Amino acid sequence: MWSIVLAGAIFFALVGALVGGMSGLESPDPRTEPSQFEDPARQPPGMTRSERPSDDAPPPR
């Protein structure tokens, strides 16, 4: 009998953790989304090179 109670408690704890984790993935309410406009990301120097066509690339349309 106690094993059934323990198994049920473990099962419902896992289901509760799953539901709680999934509810954390919901989208925020409209107009309360996090914004990047206050502190926009800047491209660090030296990490990428400028884009240029290769010698055998077709001409642009």
PDB file of N, CA and C in Angstrom:
ATOM      1  N   MET A   1       0.815  -1.191   0.000  1.00  0.00           N
ATOM      2  CA  MET A   1       0.000   0.000   0.000  1.00  0.00           C
ATOM      3  C   MET A   1       0.860   1.256   0.000  1.00  0.00           C
ATOM      4  N   TRP A   2       1.893   1.280   0.857  1.00  0.00           N
ATOM      5  CA  TRP A   2       2.745   2.469   0.906  1.00  0.00           C
ATOM      6  C   TRP A   2       3.538   2.644  -0.373  1.00  0.00           C
ATOM      7  N   SER A   3       3.815   1.549  -1.049  1.00  0.00           N
ATOM      8  CA  SER A   3       4.547   1.673  -2.316  1.00  0.00           C
ATOM      9  C   SER A   3       3.691   2.353  -3.378  1.00  0.00           C
ATOM     10  N   ILE A   4       2.387   2.110  -3.344  1.00  0.00           N
ATOM     11  CA  ILE A   4       1.482   2.758  -4.296  1.00  0.00           C
ATOM     12  C   ILE A   4       1.389   4.251  -3.996  1.00  0.00           C
ATOM     13  N   VAL A   5       1.328   4.610  -2.729  1.00  0.00           N
ATOM     14  CA  VAL A   5       1.275   6.022  -2.339  1.00  0.00           C
ATOM     15  C   VAL A   5       2.569   6.717  -2.749  1.00  0.00           C
ATOM     16  N   LEU A   6       3.705   6.068  -2.507  1.00  0.00           N
ATOM     17  CA  LEU A   6       4.999   6.644  -2.878  1.00  0.00           C
ATOM     18  C   LEU A   6       5.122   6.774  -4.396  1.00  0.00           C
ATOM     19  N   ALA A   7       4.707   5.748  -5.134  1.00  0.00           N
ATOM     20  CA  ALA A   7       4.763   5.810  -6.598  1.00  0.00           C
ATOM     21  C   ALA A   7       3.846   6.912  -7.124  1.00  0.00           C
ATOM     22  N   GLY A   8       2.666   7.058  -6.544  1.00  0.00           N
ATOM     23  CA  GLY A   8       1.757   8.124  -6.960  1.00  0.00           C
ATOM     24  C   GLY A   8       2.316   9.502  -6.661  1.00  0.00           C
ATOM     25  N   ALA A   9       2.953   9.648  -5.502  1.00  0.00           N
ATOM     26  CA  ALA A   9       3.549  10.942  -5.154  1.00  0.00           C
ATOM     27  C   ALA A   9       4.677  11.292  -6.112  1.00  0.00           C
ATOM     28  N   ILE A  10       5.500  10.318  -6.449  1.00  0.00           N
ATOM     29  CA  ILE A  10       6.593  10.563  -7.399  1.00  0.00           C
ATOM     30  C   ILE A  10       6.028  10.902  -8.772  1.00  0.00           C
ATOM     31  N   PHE A  11       5.014  10.158  -9.210  1.00  0.00           N
ATOM     32  CA  PHE A  11       4.416  10.397 -10.517  1.00  0.00           C
ATOM     33  C   PHE A  11       3.827  11.798 -10.601  1.00  0.00           C
ATOM     34  N   PHE A  12       3.038  12.192  -9.592  1.00  0.00           N
ATOM     35  CA  PHE A  12       2.407  13.509  -9.639  1.00  0.00           C
ATOM     36  C   PHE A  12       3.427  14.630  -9.459  1.00  0.00           C
ATOM     37  N   ALA A  13       4.516  14.364  -8.748  1.00  0.00           N
ATOM     38  CA  ALA A  13       5.579  15.369  -8.649  1.00  0.00           C
ATOM     39  C   ALA A  13       6.240  15.571 -10.006  1.00  0.00           C
ATOM     40  N   LEU A  14       6.468  14.488 -10.737  1.00  0.00           N
ATOM     41  CA  LEU A  14       7.060  14.604 -12.071  1.00  0.00           C
ATOM     42  C   LEU A  14       6.110  15.290 -13.046  1.00  0.00           C
ATOM     43  N   VAL A  15       4.830  14.964 -12.975  1.00  0.00           N
ATOM     44  CA  VAL A  15       3.849  15.621 -13.841  1.00  0.00           C
ATOM     45  C   VAL A  15       3.773  17.111 -13.508  1.00  0.00           C
ATOM     46  N   GLY A  16       3.792  17.451 -12.235  1.00  0.00           N
ATOM     47  CA  GLY A  16       3.764  18.857 -11.837  1.00  0.00           C
ATOM     48  C   GLY A  16       5.000  19.602 -12.302  1.00  0.00           C
ATOM     49  N   ALA A  17       6.166  18.950 -12.221  1.00  0.00           N
ATOM     50  CA  ALA A  17       7.393  19.591 -12.702  1.00  0.00           C
ATOM     51  C   ALA A  17       7.339  19.789 -14.212  1.00  0.00           C
ATOM     52  N   LEU A  18       6.789  18.820 -14.926  1.00  0.00           N
ATOM     53  CA  LEU A  18       6.671  18.938 -16.382  1.00  0.00           C
ATOM     54  C   LEU A  18       5.726  20.078 -16.761  1.00  0.00           C
ATOM     55  N   VAL A  19       4.575  20.140 -16.121  1.00  0.00           N
ATOM     56  CA  VAL A  19       3.609  21.206 -16.421  1.00  0.00           C
ATOM     57  C   VAL A  19       4.186  22.565 -16.038  1.00  0.00           C
ATOM     58  N   GLY A  20       4.867  22.638 -14.911  1.00  0.00           N
ATOM     59  CA  GLY A  20       5.479  23.898 -14.498  1.00  0.00           C
ATOM     60  C   GLY A  20       6.565  24.347 -15.451  1.00  0.00           C
ATOM     61  N   GLY A  21       7.352  23.405 -15.938  1.00  0.00           N
ATOM     62  CA  GLY A  21       8.395  23.750 -16.906  1.00  0.00           C
ATOM     63  C   GLY A  21       7.821  24.185 -18.238  1.00  0.00           C
ATOM     64  N   MET A  22       6.763  23.532 -18.675  1.00  0.00           N
ATOM     65  CA  MET A  22       6.145  23.901 -19.947  1.00  0.00           C
ATOM     66  C   MET A  22       5.449  25.256 -19.850  1.00  0.00           C
ATOM     67  N   SER A  23       4.877  25.581 -18.705  1.00  0.00           N
ATOM     68  CA  SER A  23       4.206  26.876 -18.583  1.00  0.00           C
ATOM     69  C   SER A  23       5.213  28.017 -18.579  1.00  0.00           C
ATOM     70  N   GLY A  24       6.457  27.742 -18.231  1.00  0.00           N
ATOM     71  CA  GLY A  24       7.488  28.765 -18.293  1.00  0.00           C
ATOM     72  C   GLY A  24       7.894  29.099 -19.713  1.00  0.00           C
ATOM     73  N   LEU A  25       7.503  28.281 -20.674  1.00  0.00           N
ATOM     74  CA  LEU A  25       7.854  28.504 -22.070  1.00  0.00           C
ATOM     75  C   LEU A  25       6.820  29.338 -22.815  1.00  0.00           C
ATOM     76  N   GLU A  26       5.753  29.727 -22.149  1.00  0.00           N
ATOM     77  CA  GLU A  26       4.708  30.511 -22.810  1.00  0.00           C
ATOM     78  C   GLU A  26       5.233  31.874 -23.227  1.00  0.00           C
ATOM     79  N   SER A  27       4.647  32.415 -24.263  1.00  0.00           N
ATOM     80  CA  SER A  27       5.007  33.751 -24.718  1.00  0.00           C
ATOM     81  C   SER A  27       4.556  34.781 -23.690  1.00  0.00           C
ATOM     82  N   PRO A  28       5.300  35.868 -23.543  1.00  0.00           N
ATOM     83  CA  PRO A  28       4.861  36.915 -22.618  1.00  0.00           C
ATOM     84  C   PRO A  28       3.628  37.629 -23.154  1.00  0.00           C
ATOM     85  N   ASP A  29       2.961  38.348 -22.286  1.00  0.00           N
ATOM     86  CA  ASP A  29       1.779  39.102 -22.694  1.00  0.00           C
ATOM     87  C   ASP A  29       2.160  40.146 -23.736  1.00  0.00           C
ATOM     88  N   PRO A  30       1.227  40.505 -24.633  1.00  0.00           N
ATOM     89  CA  PRO A  30       1.522  41.530 -25.633  1.00  0.00           C
ATOM     90  C   PRO A  30       1.959  42.837 -24.983  1.00  0.00           C
ATOM     91  N   ARG A  31       2.884  43.500 -25.628  1.00  0.00           N
ATOM     92  CA  ARG A  31       3.459  44.781 -25.197  1.00  0.00           C
ATOM     93  C   ARG A  31       4.295  44.671 -23.931  1.00  0.00           C
ATOM     94  N   THR A  32       4.601  43.446 -23.470  1.00  0.00           N
ATOM     95  CA  THR A  32       5.502  43.293 -22.326  1.00  0.00           C
ATOM     96  C   THR A  32       6.680  42.403 -22.689  1.00  0.00           C
ATOM     97  N   GLU A  33       6.933  42.245 -23.981  1.00  0.00           N
ATOM     98  CA  GLU A  33       8.041  41.415 -24.418  1.00  0.00           C
ATOM     99  C   GLU A  33       9.361  42.104 -24.090  1.00  0.00           C
ATOM    100  N   PRO A  34      10.414  41.332 -23.861  1.00  0.00           N
ATOM    101  CA  PRO A  34      11.720  41.964 -23.672  1.00  0.00           C
ATOM    102  C   PRO A  34      12.167  42.651 -24.955  1.00  0.00           C
ATOM    103  N   SER A  35      12.852  43.752 -24.834  1.00  0.00           N
ATOM    104  CA  SER A  35      13.227  44.557 -25.987  1.00  0.00           C
ATOM    105  C   SER A  35      14.731  44.664 -26.091  1.00  0.00           C
ATOM    106  N   GLN A  36      15.225  44.752 -27.323  1.00  0.00           N
ATOM    107  CA  GLN A  36      16.643  44.976 -27.549  1.00  0.00           C
ATOM    108  C   GLN A  36      16.904  46.411 -27.974  1.00  0.00           C
ATOM    109  N   PHE A  37      15.884  47.261 -27.979  1.00  0.00           N
ATOM    110  CA  PHE A  37      16.071  48.628 -28.444  1.00  0.00           C
ATOM    111  C   PHE A  37      16.806  49.485 -27.417  1.00  0.00           C
ATOM    112  N   GLU A  38      16.683  49.158 -26.144  1.00  0.00           N
ATOM    113  CA  GLU A  38      17.357  49.949 -25.127  1.00  0.00           C
ATOM    114  C   GLU A  38      18.867  49.727 -25.167  1.00  0.00           C
ATOM    115  N   ASP A  39      19.287  48.501 -25.380  1.00  0.00           N
ATOM    116  CA  ASP A  39      20.709  48.178 -25.416  1.00  0.00           C
ATOM    117  C   ASP A  39      20.949  47.256 -26.614  1.00  0.00           C
ATOM    118  N   PRO A  40      20.993  47.814 -27.828  1.00  0.00           N
ATOM    119  CA  PRO A  40      21.125  46.952 -29.005  1.00  0.00           C
ATOM    120  C   PRO A  40      22.476  46.251 -29.032  1.00  0.00           C
ATOM    121  N   ALA A  41      22.458  45.098 -29.609  1.00  0.00           N
ATOM    122  CA  ALA A  41      23.699  44.335 -29.723  1.00  0.00           C
ATOM    123  C   ALA A  41      24.575  44.950 -30.805  1.00  0.00           C
ATOM    124  N   ARG A  42      25.846  45.060 -30.515  1.00  0.00           N
ATOM    125  CA  ARG A  42      26.786  45.577 -31.504  1.00  0.00           C
ATOM    126  C   ARG A  42      27.620  44.414 -32.016  1.00  0.00           C
ATOM    127  N   GLN A  43      28.009  44.516 -33.246  1.00  0.00           N
ATOM    128  CA  GLN A  43      28.837  43.475 -33.824  1.00  0.00           C
ATOM    129  C   GLN A  43      30.281  43.695 -33.368  1.00  0.00           C
ATOM    130  N   PRO A  44      30.893  42.696 -32.742  1.00  0.00           N
ATOM    131  CA  PRO A  44      32.259  42.882 -32.261  1.00  0.00           C
ATOM    132  C   PRO A  44      33.237  42.976 -33.424  1.00  0.00           C
ATOM    133  N   PRO A  45      34.233  43.833 -33.329  1.00  0.00           N
ATOM    134  CA  PRO A  45      35.207  43.959 -34.410  1.00  0.00           C
ATOM    135  C   PRO A  45      36.093  42.723 -34.489  1.00  0.00           C
ATOM    136  N   GLY A  46      36.418  42.358 -35.712  1.00  0.00           N
ATOM    137  CA  GLY A  46      37.339  41.252 -35.912  1.00  0.00           C
ATOM    138  C   GLY A  46      36.729  39.872 -35.865  1.00  0.00           C
ATOM    139  N   MET A  47      35.446  39.759 -35.593  1.00  0.00           N
ATOM    140  CA  MET A  47      34.840  38.434 -35.514  1.00  0.00           C
ATOM    141  C   MET A  47      34.348  37.958 -36.879  1.00  0.00           C
ATOM    142  N   THR A  48      33.946  38.879 -37.730  1.00  0.00           N
ATOM    143  CA  THR A  48      33.455  38.507 -39.054  1.00  0.00           C
ATOM    144  C   THR A  48      34.145  39.364 -40.097  1.00  0.00           C
ATOM    145  N   ARG A  49      34.134  38.889 -41.316  1.00  0.00           N
ATOM    146  CA  ARG A  49      34.706  39.697 -42.394  1.00  0.00           C
ATOM    147  C   ARG A  49      33.572  40.202 -43.276  1.00  0.00           C
ATOM    148  N   SER A  50      33.825  41.250 -44.002  1.00  0.00           N
ATOM    149  CA  SER A  50      32.778  41.821 -44.839  1.00  0.00           C
ATOM    150  C   SER A  50      32.445  40.864 -45.973  1.00  0.00           C
ATOM    151  N   GLU A  51      31.203  40.906 -46.389  1.00  0.00           N
ATOM    152  CA  GLU A  51      30.736  40.001 -47.431  1.00  0.00           C
ATOM    153  C   GLU A  51      31.169  40.531 -48.786  1.00  0.00           C
ATOM    154  N   ARG A  52      31.697  39.645 -49.593  1.00  0.00           N
ATOM    155  CA  ARG A  52      32.098  40.038 -50.943  1.00  0.00           C
ATOM    156  C   ARG A  52      31.889  38.841 -51.855  1.00  0.00           C
ATOM    157  N   PRO A  53      31.548  39.091 -53.111  1.00  0.00           N
ATOM    158  CA  PRO A  53      31.300  37.967 -54.025  1.00  0.00           C
ATOM    159  C   PRO A  53      32.606  37.260 -54.371  1.00  0.00           C
ATOM    160  N   SER A  54      32.501  35.970 -54.574  1.00  0.00           N
ATOM    161  CA  SER A  54      33.680  35.216 -55.000  1.00  0.00           C
ATOM    162  C   SER A  54      33.903  35.435 -56.494  1.00  0.00           C
ATOM    163  N   ASP A  55      35.052  35.052 -56.976  1.00  0.00           N
ATOM    164  CA  ASP A  55      35.402  35.287 -58.380  1.00  0.00           C
ATOM    165  C   ASP A  55      34.499  34.521 -59.342  1.00  0.00           C
ATOM    166  N   ASP A  56      34.036  33.344 -58.947  1.00  0.00           N
ATOM    167  CA  ASP A  56      33.215  32.536 -59.851  1.00  0.00           C
ATOM    168  C   ASP A  56      31.720  32.673 -59.546  1.00  0.00           C
ATOM    169  N   ALA A  57      31.329  33.669 -58.777  1.00  0.00           N
ATOM    170  CA  ALA A  57      29.917  33.868 -58.454  1.00  0.00           C
ATOM    171  C   ALA A  57      29.188  34.452 -59.660  1.00  0.00           C
ATOM    172  N   PRO A  58      27.928  34.062 -59.869  1.00  0.00           N
ATOM    173  CA  PRO A  58      27.165  34.647 -60.976  1.00  0.00           C
ATOM    174  C   PRO A  58      26.894  36.124 -60.695  1.00  0.00           C
ATOM    175  N   PRO A  59      26.682  36.913 -61.742  1.00  0.00           N
ATOM    176  CA  PRO A  59      26.423  38.348 -61.536  1.00  0.00           C
ATOM    177  C   PRO A  59      25.089  38.545 -60.819  1.00  0.00           C
ATOM    178  N   PRO A  60      24.944  39.620 -60.061  1.00  0.00           N
ATOM    179  CA  PRO A  60      23.672  39.869 -59.367  1.00  0.00           C
ATOM    180  C   PRO A  60      22.567  40.181 -60.362  1.00  0.00           C
ATOM    181  N   ARG A  61      21.350  39.903 -59.982  1.00  0.00           N
ATOM    182  CA  ARG A  61      20.204  40.129 -60.875  1.00  0.00           C
ATOM    183  C   ARG A  61      19.751  41.546 -60.820  1.00  0.00           C
TER     184      ARG A  61
END
